[in-house]
Structure formats: structure tokens, C-alpha cells
C-alpha atoms as a PDB file:
ATOM      1  CA  MET A   1      14.800 -10.175   3.056  1.00  0.00           C
ATOM      2  CA  LEU A   2      12.199  -7.681   1.925  1.00  0.00           C
ATOM      3  CA  GLU A   3      11.560  -4.757   4.223  1.00  0.00           C
ATOM      4  CA  VAL A   4       9.083  -1.925   3.748  1.00  0.00           C
ATOM      5  CA  ARG A   5       8.870   0.990   6.182  1.00  0.00           C
ATOM      6  CA  ASN A   6       6.215   3.676   6.518  1.00  0.00           C
ATOM      7  CA  VAL A   7       4.907   3.384   2.955  1.00  0.00           C
ATOM      8  CA  SER A   8       2.032   5.695   2.034  1.00  0.00           C
ATOM      9  CA  LYS A   9       0.180   6.518  -1.194  1.00  0.00           C
ATOM     10  CA  VAL A  10      -2.261   9.384  -1.720  1.00  0.00           C
ATOM     11  CA  PHE A  11      -4.395   9.918  -4.808  1.00  0.00           C
ATOM     12  CA  THR A  12      -5.933  13.280  -5.618  1.00  0.00           C
ATOM     13  CA  VAL A  13      -9.269  13.376  -7.432  1.00  0.00           C
ATOM     14  CA  GLY A  14     -11.917  15.836  -8.397  1.00  0.00           C
ATOM     15  CA  LEU A  15     -11.943  19.321  -9.775  1.00  0.00           C
ATOM     16  CA  PHE A  16      -8.536  20.929  -9.229  1.00  0.00           C
ATOM     17  CA  SER A  17      -7.439  17.817  -7.278  1.00  0.00           C
ATOM     18  CA  ARG A  18      -9.023  19.008  -4.047  1.00  0.00           C
ATOM     19  CA  HIS A  19     -10.100  15.613  -2.725  1.00  0.00           C
ATOM     20  CA  ARG A  20      -7.353  13.354  -1.339  1.00  0.00           C
ATOM     21  CA  ILE A  21      -7.740   9.600  -0.912  1.00  0.00           C
ATOM     22  CA  GLU A  22      -5.220   7.766   1.265  1.00  0.00           C
ATOM     23  CA  ALA A  23      -4.990   4.377  -0.441  1.00  0.00           C
ATOM     24  CA  VAL A  24      -2.162   3.160   1.810  1.00  0.00           C
ATOM     25  CA  LYS A  25      -1.093   4.808   5.054  1.00  0.00           C
ATOM     26  CA  ASN A  26       2.107   4.094   7.027  1.00  0.00           C
ATOM     27  CA  VAL A  27       2.479   0.411   6.158  1.00  0.00           C
ATOM     28  CA  SER A  28       5.565  -1.389   7.450  1.00  0.00           C
ATOM     29  CA  MET A  29       6.442  -5.060   7.028  1.00  0.00           C
ATOM     30  CA  SER A  30       9.345  -7.490   6.825  1.00  0.00           C
ATOM     31  CA  VAL A  31       9.441 -10.761   4.920  1.00  0.00           C
ATOM     32  CA  ARG A  32      12.328 -13.111   5.562  1.00  0.00           C
ATOM     33  CA  LYS A  33      13.789 -15.524   3.058  1.00  0.00           C
ATOM     34  CA  GLY A  34      11.573 -18.599   2.755  1.00  0.00           C
ATOM     35  CA  GLU A  35       8.507 -16.972   4.319  1.00  0.00           C
ATOM     36  CA  ILE A  36       5.183 -17.035   2.524  1.00  0.00           C
ATOM     37  CA  VAL A  37       2.837 -14.115   3.121  1.00  0.00           C
ATOM     38  CA  SER A  38      -0.477 -12.925   1.752  1.00  0.00           C
ATOM     39  CA  LEU A  39      -2.306  -9.619   1.678  1.00  0.00           C
ATOM     40  CA  VAL A  40      -5.990  -9.907   2.479  1.00  0.00           C
ATOM     41  CA  GLY A  41      -8.668  -7.279   2.814  1.00  0.00           C
ATOM     42  CA  GLU A  42     -11.855  -5.883   1.408  1.00  0.00           C
ATOM     43  CA  SER A  43     -12.172  -4.627  -2.138  1.00  0.00           C
ATOM     44  CA  GLY A  44     -10.625  -1.180  -2.418  1.00  0.00           C
ATOM     45  CA  SER A  45      -8.521  -1.492   0.724  1.00  0.00           C
ATOM     46  CA  GLY A  46      -5.179  -0.867  -1.050  1.00  0.00           C
ATOM     47  CA  LYS A  47      -3.801  -4.388  -1.562  1.00  0.00           C
ATOM     48  CA  THR A  48      -2.958  -3.922  -5.239  1.00  0.00           C
ATOM     49  CA  THR A  49      -1.621  -0.422  -4.645  1.00  0.00           C
ATOM     50  CA  LEU A  50       0.744  -1.712  -1.962  1.00  0.00           C
ATOM     51  CA  CYS A  51       1.951  -4.541  -4.222  1.00  0.00           C
ATOM     52  CA  ARG A  52       2.639  -2.082  -7.043  1.00  0.00           C
ATOM     53  CA  ILE A  53       4.639   0.141  -4.693  1.00  0.00           C
ATOM     54  CA  ILE A  54       6.735  -2.816  -3.501  1.00  0.00           C
ATOM     55  CA  LEU A  55       7.398  -4.198  -6.985  1.00  0.00           C
END
């Protein structure tokens, strides 16, 4: 089983890192053995970021 709870990722950008971008905010999920899941969403919605956090 894979379980993820309340995962978040914030990037800071700009001069002196004043601007914060929440790429992923409070994501929770469980995947049981044998289940097949997919992440879908618009470009820039945080799919790749979430996968990198999990792996």
C-alpha cells in the first residue's frame, strides 16, 4: 500500500524570494496493492511535482 497524507510543496520565486507559489497543497491519497491510478489535470497543476515528492 502507498499512502500519502497532507503533502504540500511551495516554491519561492522573484527578487529575494518574496513570491510564493503553492504547487501542491494538502494532498492525501491511498493506493492499495493491485490498484491502477492516474493523475490528470491541466498543464502546471502540480502532477509532476506530486510524483517527484512520492518517488
